[in-house]
Amino acid sequence: MSYIAVVDESSCLAHGDCAEMAPEVFIVEDVARVIGTGPHELLLAAAEACPATAISVLDQETGETVYP
């Protein structure tokens, strides 16, 4: 089982919390973008920390949404 993060760019307000928590996964310029991957716990924590709720976490194998 492998998780991936997905940013809804239209919802992202570029607060940068995701990049602070997981700089190997996210970069914030005008909006947050996914640049890598990380442990499940880190992806979920970064998604939960997003004040704009712009990050979803998906199961890469099934495509099912794990968060939110």
PDB file of N, CA and C in Angstrom:
ATOM      1  N   MET A   1       0.851  -1.177   0.000  1.00  0.00           N
ATOM      2  CA  MET A   1       0.000   0.000   0.000  1.00  0.00           C
ATOM      3  C   MET A   1       0.897   1.240   0.000  1.00  0.00           C
ATOM      4  N   SER A   2       0.625   2.137  -0.925  1.00  0.00           N
ATOM      5  CA  SER A   2       1.413   3.356  -1.074  1.00  0.00           C
ATOM      6  C   SER A   2       0.467   4.541  -1.191  1.00  0.00           C
ATOM      7  N   TYR A   3       0.759   5.607  -0.465  1.00  0.00           N
ATOM      8  CA  TYR A   3      -0.070   6.800  -0.493  1.00  0.00           C
ATOM      9  C   TYR A   3       0.620   7.897  -1.290  1.00  0.00           C
ATOM     10  N   ILE A   4      -0.201   8.738  -1.917  1.00  0.00           N
ATOM     11  CA  ILE A   4       0.299   9.925  -2.600  1.00  0.00           C
ATOM     12  C   ILE A   4      -0.524  11.133  -2.168  1.00  0.00           C
ATOM     13  N   ALA A   5       0.097  12.288  -2.191  1.00  0.00           N
ATOM     14  CA  ALA A   5      -0.591  13.535  -1.868  1.00  0.00           C
ATOM     15  C   ALA A   5      -0.984  14.222  -3.166  1.00  0.00           C
ATOM     16  N   VAL A   6      -2.129  14.884  -3.130  1.00  0.00           N
ATOM     17  CA  VAL A   6      -2.621  15.641  -4.274  1.00  0.00           C
ATOM     18  C   VAL A   6      -3.082  17.002  -3.759  1.00  0.00           C
ATOM     19  N   VAL A   7      -2.630  18.068  -4.413  1.00  0.00           N
ATOM     20  CA  VAL A   7      -3.016  19.421  -4.015  1.00  0.00           C
ATOM     21  C   VAL A   7      -4.067  19.946  -4.981  1.00  0.00           C
ATOM     22  N   ASP A   8      -5.181  20.434  -4.426  1.00  0.00           N
ATOM     23  CA  ASP A   8      -6.192  21.121  -5.225  1.00  0.00           C
ATOM     24  C   ASP A   8      -5.731  22.577  -5.331  1.00  0.00           C
ATOM     25  N   GLU A   9      -5.106  22.896  -6.456  1.00  0.00           N
ATOM     26  CA  GLU A   9      -4.512  24.223  -6.622  1.00  0.00           C
ATOM     27  C   GLU A   9      -5.537  25.349  -6.543  1.00  0.00           C
ATOM     28  N   SER A  10      -6.780  25.076  -6.896  1.00  0.00           N
ATOM     29  CA  SER A  10      -7.795  26.124  -6.832  1.00  0.00           C
ATOM     30  C   SER A  10      -8.206  26.425  -5.386  1.00  0.00           C
ATOM     31  N   SER A  11      -7.923  25.510  -4.460  1.00  0.00           N
ATOM     32  CA  SER A  11      -8.244  25.716  -3.044  1.00  0.00           C
ATOM     33  C   SER A  11      -7.041  26.185  -2.231  1.00  0.00           C
ATOM     34  N   CYS A  12      -5.847  25.954  -2.738  1.00  0.00           N
ATOM     35  CA  CYS A  12      -4.626  26.263  -2.002  1.00  0.00           C
ATOM     36  C   CYS A  12      -4.472  27.777  -1.832  1.00  0.00           C
ATOM     37  N   LEU A  13      -4.169  28.166  -0.597  1.00  0.00           N
ATOM     38  CA  LEU A  13      -3.942  29.578  -0.292  1.00  0.00           C
ATOM     39  C   LEU A  13      -2.473  29.864  -0.001  1.00  0.00           C
ATOM     40  N   ALA A  14      -1.598  28.889  -0.259  1.00  0.00           N
ATOM     41  CA  ALA A  14      -0.148  29.014  -0.129  1.00  0.00           C
ATOM     42  C   ALA A  14       0.305  29.413   1.266  1.00  0.00           C
ATOM     43  N   HIS A  15      -0.331  28.851   2.285  1.00  0.00           N
ATOM     44  CA  HIS A  15       0.090  29.114   3.667  1.00  0.00           C
ATOM     45  C   HIS A  15       1.477  28.548   3.940  1.00  0.00           C
ATOM     46  N   GLY A  16       1.810  27.408   3.335  1.00  0.00           N
ATOM     47  CA  GLY A  16       3.138  26.826   3.481  1.00  0.00           C
ATOM     48  C   GLY A  16       3.296  25.821   4.603  1.00  0.00           C
ATOM     49  N   ASP A  17       2.214  25.530   5.338  1.00  0.00           N
ATOM     50  CA  ASP A  17       2.319  24.571   6.434  1.00  0.00           C
ATOM     51  C   ASP A  17       2.779  23.203   5.941  1.00  0.00           C
ATOM     52  N   CYS A  18       2.317  22.800   4.780  1.00  0.00           N
ATOM     53  CA  CYS A  18       2.691  21.499   4.227  1.00  0.00           C
ATOM     54  C   CYS A  18       4.182  21.434   3.944  1.00  0.00           C
ATOM     55  N   ALA A  19       4.731  22.479   3.373  1.00  0.00           N
ATOM     56  CA  ALA A  19       6.153  22.511   3.043  1.00  0.00           C
ATOM     57  C   ALA A  19       7.022  22.580   4.292  1.00  0.00           C
ATOM     58  N   GLU A  20       6.526  23.211   5.343  1.00  0.00           N
ATOM     59  CA  GLU A  20       7.264  23.234   6.606  1.00  0.00           C
ATOM     60  C   GLU A  20       7.291  21.851   7.233  1.00  0.00           C
ATOM     61  N   MET A  21       6.173  21.143   7.174  1.00  0.00           N
ATOM     62  CA  MET A  21       6.091  19.804   7.761  1.00  0.00           C
ATOM     63  C   MET A  21       6.813  18.764   6.924  1.00  0.00           C
ATOM     64  N   ALA A  22       6.734  18.895   5.612  1.00  0.00           N
ATOM     65  CA  ALA A  22       7.266  17.868   4.716  1.00  0.00           C
ATOM     66  C   ALA A  22       7.952  18.506   3.507  1.00  0.00           C
ATOM     67  N   PRO A  23       9.121  19.118   3.706  1.00  0.00           N
ATOM     68  CA  PRO A  23       9.791  19.807   2.591  1.00  0.00           C
ATOM     69  C   PRO A  23      10.238  18.870   1.470  1.00  0.00           C
ATOM     70  N   GLU A  24      10.361  17.593   1.757  1.00  0.00           N
ATOM     71  CA  GLU A  24      10.719  16.637   0.717  1.00  0.00           C
ATOM     72  C   GLU A  24       9.525  16.245  -0.140  1.00  0.00           C
ATOM     73  N   VAL A  25       8.321  16.640   0.295  1.00  0.00           N
ATOM     74  CA  VAL A  25       7.092  16.284  -0.415  1.00  0.00           C
ATOM     75  C   VAL A  25       6.457  17.491  -1.100  1.00  0.00           C
ATOM     76  N   PHE A  26       6.510  18.659  -0.462  1.00  0.00           N
ATOM     77  CA  PHE A  26       5.809  19.837  -0.964  1.00  0.00           C
ATOM     78  C   PHE A  26       6.758  21.017  -1.147  1.00  0.00           C
ATOM     79  N   ILE A  27       6.429  21.849  -2.133  1.00  0.00           N
ATOM     80  CA  ILE A  27       7.074  23.145  -2.317  1.00  0.00           C
ATOM     81  C   ILE A  27       5.942  24.148  -2.524  1.00  0.00           C
ATOM     82  N   VAL A  28       6.123  25.349  -1.997  1.00  0.00           N
ATOM     83  CA  VAL A  28       5.096  26.378  -2.148  1.00  0.00           C
ATOM     84  C   VAL A  28       5.697  27.555  -2.897  1.00  0.00           C
ATOM     85  N   GLU A  29       5.088  27.857  -4.025  1.00  0.00           N
ATOM     86  CA  GLU A  29       5.433  29.050  -4.784  1.00  0.00           C
ATOM     87  C   GLU A  29       4.163  29.898  -4.806  1.00  0.00           C
ATOM     88  N   ASP A  30       3.474  29.959  -5.924  1.00  0.00           N
ATOM     89  CA  ASP A  30       2.165  30.625  -5.931  1.00  0.00           C
ATOM     90  C   ASP A  30       1.134  29.761  -5.215  1.00  0.00           C
ATOM     91  N   VAL A  31       1.280  28.458  -5.353  1.00  0.00           N
ATOM     92  CA  VAL A  31       0.461  27.460  -4.661  1.00  0.00           C
ATOM     93  C   VAL A  31       1.378  26.304  -4.283  1.00  0.00           C
ATOM     94  N   ALA A  32       0.876  25.399  -3.460  1.00  0.00           N
ATOM     95  CA  ALA A  32       1.651  24.217  -3.090  1.00  0.00           C
ATOM     96  C   ALA A  32       1.653  23.226  -4.250  1.00  0.00           C
ATOM     97  N   ARG A  33       2.796  22.570  -4.413  1.00  0.00           N
ATOM     98  CA  ARG A  33       2.910  21.503  -5.407  1.00  0.00           C
ATOM     99  C   ARG A  33       3.601  20.316  -4.757  1.00  0.00           C
ATOM    100  N   VAL A  34       3.231  19.130  -5.221  1.00  0.00           N
ATOM    101  CA  VAL A  34       3.850  17.907  -4.735  1.00  0.00           C
ATOM    102  C   VAL A  34       5.124  17.676  -5.549  1.00  0.00           C
ATOM    103  N   ILE A  35       6.244  17.497  -4.844  1.00  0.00           N
ATOM    104  CA  ILE A  35       7.521  17.271  -5.519  1.00  0.00           C
ATOM    105  C   ILE A  35       8.135  15.917  -5.156  1.00  0.00           C
ATOM    106  N   GLY A  36       7.490  15.188  -4.255  1.00  0.00           N
ATOM    107  CA  GLY A  36       8.041  13.912  -3.820  1.00  0.00           C
ATOM    108  C   GLY A  36       7.027  13.128  -3.031  1.00  0.00           C
ATOM    109  N   THR A  37       7.526  12.195  -2.261  1.00  0.00           N
ATOM    110  CA  THR A  37       6.660  11.377  -1.436  1.00  0.00           C
ATOM    111  C   THR A  37       7.321  11.173  -0.086  1.00  0.00           C
ATOM    112  N   GLY A  38       6.591  10.576   0.812  1.00  0.00           N
ATOM    113  CA  GLY A  38       7.110  10.336   2.152  1.00  0.00           C
ATOM    114  C   GLY A  38       6.276   9.289   2.848  1.00  0.00           C
ATOM    115  N   PRO A  39       6.584   9.041   4.094  1.00  0.00           N
ATOM    116  CA  PRO A  39       5.829   8.054   4.861  1.00  0.00           C
ATOM    117  C   PRO A  39       4.352   8.447   4.978  1.00  0.00           C
ATOM    118  N   HIS A  40       3.504   7.437   5.097  1.00  0.00           N
ATOM    119  CA  HIS A  40       2.060   7.682   5.196  1.00  0.00           C
ATOM    120  C   HIS A  40       1.726   8.695   6.276  1.00  0.00           C
ATOM    121  N   GLU A  41       2.348   8.535   7.430  1.00  0.00           N
ATOM    122  CA  GLU A  41       2.045   9.406   8.567  1.00  0.00           C
ATOM    123  C   GLU A  41       2.370  10.863   8.250  1.00  0.00           C
ATOM    124  N   LEU A  42       3.459  11.086   7.539  1.00  0.00           N
ATOM    125  CA  LEU A  42       3.863  12.441   7.179  1.00  0.00           C
ATOM    126  C   LEU A  42       2.885  13.064   6.185  1.00  0.00           C
ATOM    127  N   LEU A  43       2.473  12.304   5.184  1.00  0.00           N
ATOM    128  CA  LEU A  43       1.496  12.810   4.209  1.00  0.00           C
ATOM    129  C   LEU A  43       0.186  13.171   4.892  1.00  0.00           C
ATOM    130  N   LEU A  44      -0.277  12.295   5.774  1.00  0.00           N
ATOM    131  CA  LEU A  44      -1.540  12.547   6.476  1.00  0.00           C
ATOM    132  C   LEU A  44      -1.419  13.756   7.405  1.00  0.00           C
ATOM    133  N   ALA A  45      -0.299  13.891   8.110  1.00  0.00           N
ATOM    134  CA  ALA A  45      -0.109  15.032   9.010  1.00  0.00           C
ATOM    135  C   ALA A  45      -0.066  16.342   8.230  1.00  0.00           C
ATOM    136  N   ALA A  46       0.613  16.354   7.099  1.00  0.00           N
ATOM    137  CA  ALA A  46       0.679  17.565   6.280  1.00  0.00           C
ATOM    138  C   ALA A  46      -0.693  17.929   5.733  1.00  0.00           C
ATOM    139  N   ALA A  47      -1.455  16.940   5.305  1.00  0.00           N
ATOM    140  CA  ALA A  47      -2.808  17.193   4.796  1.00  0.00           C
ATOM    141  C   ALA A  47      -3.702  17.747   5.903  1.00  0.00           C
ATOM    142  N   GLU A  48      -3.594  17.183   7.089  1.00  0.00           N
ATOM    143  CA  GLU A  48      -4.402  17.666   8.219  1.00  0.00           C
ATOM    144  C   GLU A  48      -4.004  19.072   8.640  1.00  0.00           C
ATOM    145  N   ALA A  49      -2.737  19.437   8.449  1.00  0.00           N
ATOM    146  CA  ALA A  49      -2.256  20.760   8.850  1.00  0.00           C
ATOM    147  C   ALA A  49      -2.646  21.861   7.875  1.00  0.00           C
ATOM    148  N   CYS A  50      -3.104  21.505   6.686  1.00  0.00           N
ATOM    149  CA  CYS A  50      -3.440  22.504   5.679  1.00  0.00           C
ATOM    150  C   CYS A  50      -4.686  23.292   6.100  1.00  0.00           C
ATOM    151  N   PRO A  51      -4.543  24.602   6.365  1.00  0.00           N
ATOM    152  CA  PRO A  51      -5.705  25.391   6.800  1.00  0.00           C
ATOM    153  C   PRO A  51      -6.766  25.548   5.713  1.00  0.00           C
ATOM    154  N   ALA A  52      -6.375  25.371   4.465  1.00  0.00           N
ATOM    155  CA  ALA A  52      -7.336  25.513   3.362  1.00  0.00           C
ATOM    156  C   ALA A  52      -7.944  24.168   2.957  1.00  0.00           C
ATOM    157  N   THR A  53      -7.533  23.101   3.633  1.00  0.00           N
ATOM    158  CA  THR A  53      -7.970  21.732   3.297  1.00  0.00           C
ATOM    159  C   THR A  53      -7.828  21.444   1.802  1.00  0.00           C
ATOM    160  N   ALA A  54      -6.683  21.861   1.255  1.00  0.00           N
ATOM    161  CA  ALA A  54      -6.432  21.712  -0.180  1.00  0.00           C
ATOM    162  C   ALA A  54      -5.677  20.431  -0.529  1.00  0.00           C
ATOM    163  N   ILE A  55      -5.295  19.652   0.488  1.00  0.00           N
ATOM    164  CA  ILE A  55      -4.505  18.445   0.238  1.00  0.00           C
ATOM    165  C   ILE A  55      -5.328  17.204   0.503  1.00  0.00           C
ATOM    166  N   SER A  56      -5.330  16.318  -0.468  1.00  0.00           N
ATOM    167  CA  SER A  56      -5.942  15.001  -0.311  1.00  0.00           C
ATOM    168  C   SER A  56      -4.834  13.965  -0.326  1.00  0.00           C
ATOM    169  N   VAL A  57      -5.087  12.855   0.327  1.00  0.00           N
ATOM    170  CA  VAL A  57      -4.156  11.733   0.303  1.00  0.00           C
ATOM    171  C   VAL A  57      -4.892  10.557  -0.312  1.00  0.00           C
ATOM    172  N   LEU A  58      -4.277   9.953  -1.329  1.00  0.00           N
ATOM    173  CA  LEU A  58      -4.892   8.847  -2.054  1.00  0.00           C
ATOM    174  C   LEU A  58      -4.057   7.586  -1.919  1.00  0.00           C
ATOM    175  N   ASP A  59      -4.748   6.452  -1.962  1.00  0.00           N
ATOM    176  CA  ASP A  59      -4.070   5.164  -2.066  1.00  0.00           C
ATOM    177  C   ASP A  59      -3.659   5.030  -3.524  1.00  0.00           C
ATOM    178  N   GLN A  60      -2.377   4.961  -3.776  1.00  0.00           N
ATOM    179  CA  GLN A  60      -1.872   4.971  -5.153  1.00  0.00           C
ATOM    180  C   GLN A  60      -2.329   3.745  -5.930  1.00  0.00           C
ATOM    181  N   GLU A  61      -2.501   2.626  -5.272  1.00  0.00           N
ATOM    182  CA  GLU A  61      -2.879   1.387  -5.963  1.00  0.00           C
ATOM    183  C   GLU A  61      -4.344   1.374  -6.360  1.00  0.00           C
ATOM    184  N   THR A  62      -5.218   1.868  -5.475  1.00  0.00           N
ATOM    185  CA  THR A  62      -6.657   1.788  -5.738  1.00  0.00           C
ATOM    186  C   THR A  62      -7.254   3.101  -6.199  1.00  0.00           C
ATOM    187  N   GLY A  63      -6.560   4.216  -5.951  1.00  0.00           N
ATOM    188  CA  GLY A  63      -7.102   5.525  -6.284  1.00  0.00           C
ATOM    189  C   GLY A  63      -8.097   6.037  -5.268  1.00  0.00           C
ATOM    190  N   GLU A  64      -8.360   5.257  -4.227  1.00  0.00           N
ATOM    191  CA  GLU A  64      -9.320   5.668  -3.187  1.00  0.00           C
ATOM    192  C   GLU A  64      -8.748   6.791  -2.334  1.00  0.00           C
ATOM    193  N   THR A  65      -9.625   7.697  -1.940  1.00  0.00           N
ATOM    194  CA  THR A  65      -9.226   8.791  -1.051  1.00  0.00           C
ATOM    195  C   THR A  65      -9.092   8.267   0.366  1.00  0.00           C
ATOM    196  N   VAL A  66      -7.942   8.521   0.960  1.00  0.00           N
ATOM    197  CA  VAL A  66      -7.673   8.124   2.343  1.00  0.00           C
ATOM    198  C   VAL A  66      -7.957   9.298   3.280  1.00  0.00           C
ATOM    199  N   TYR A  67      -7.657  10.507   2.804  1.00  0.00           N
ATOM    200  CA  TYR A  67      -7.922  11.739   3.567  1.00  0.00           C
ATOM    201  C   TYR A  67      -8.280  12.822   2.571  1.00  0.00           C
ATOM    202  N   PRO A  68      -9.212  13.668   2.789  1.00  0.00           N
ATOM    203  CA  PRO A  68     -10.109  13.715   3.931  1.00  0.00           C
ATOM    204  C   PRO A  68     -11.229  12.719   3.814  1.00  0.00           C
TER     205      PRO A  68
END
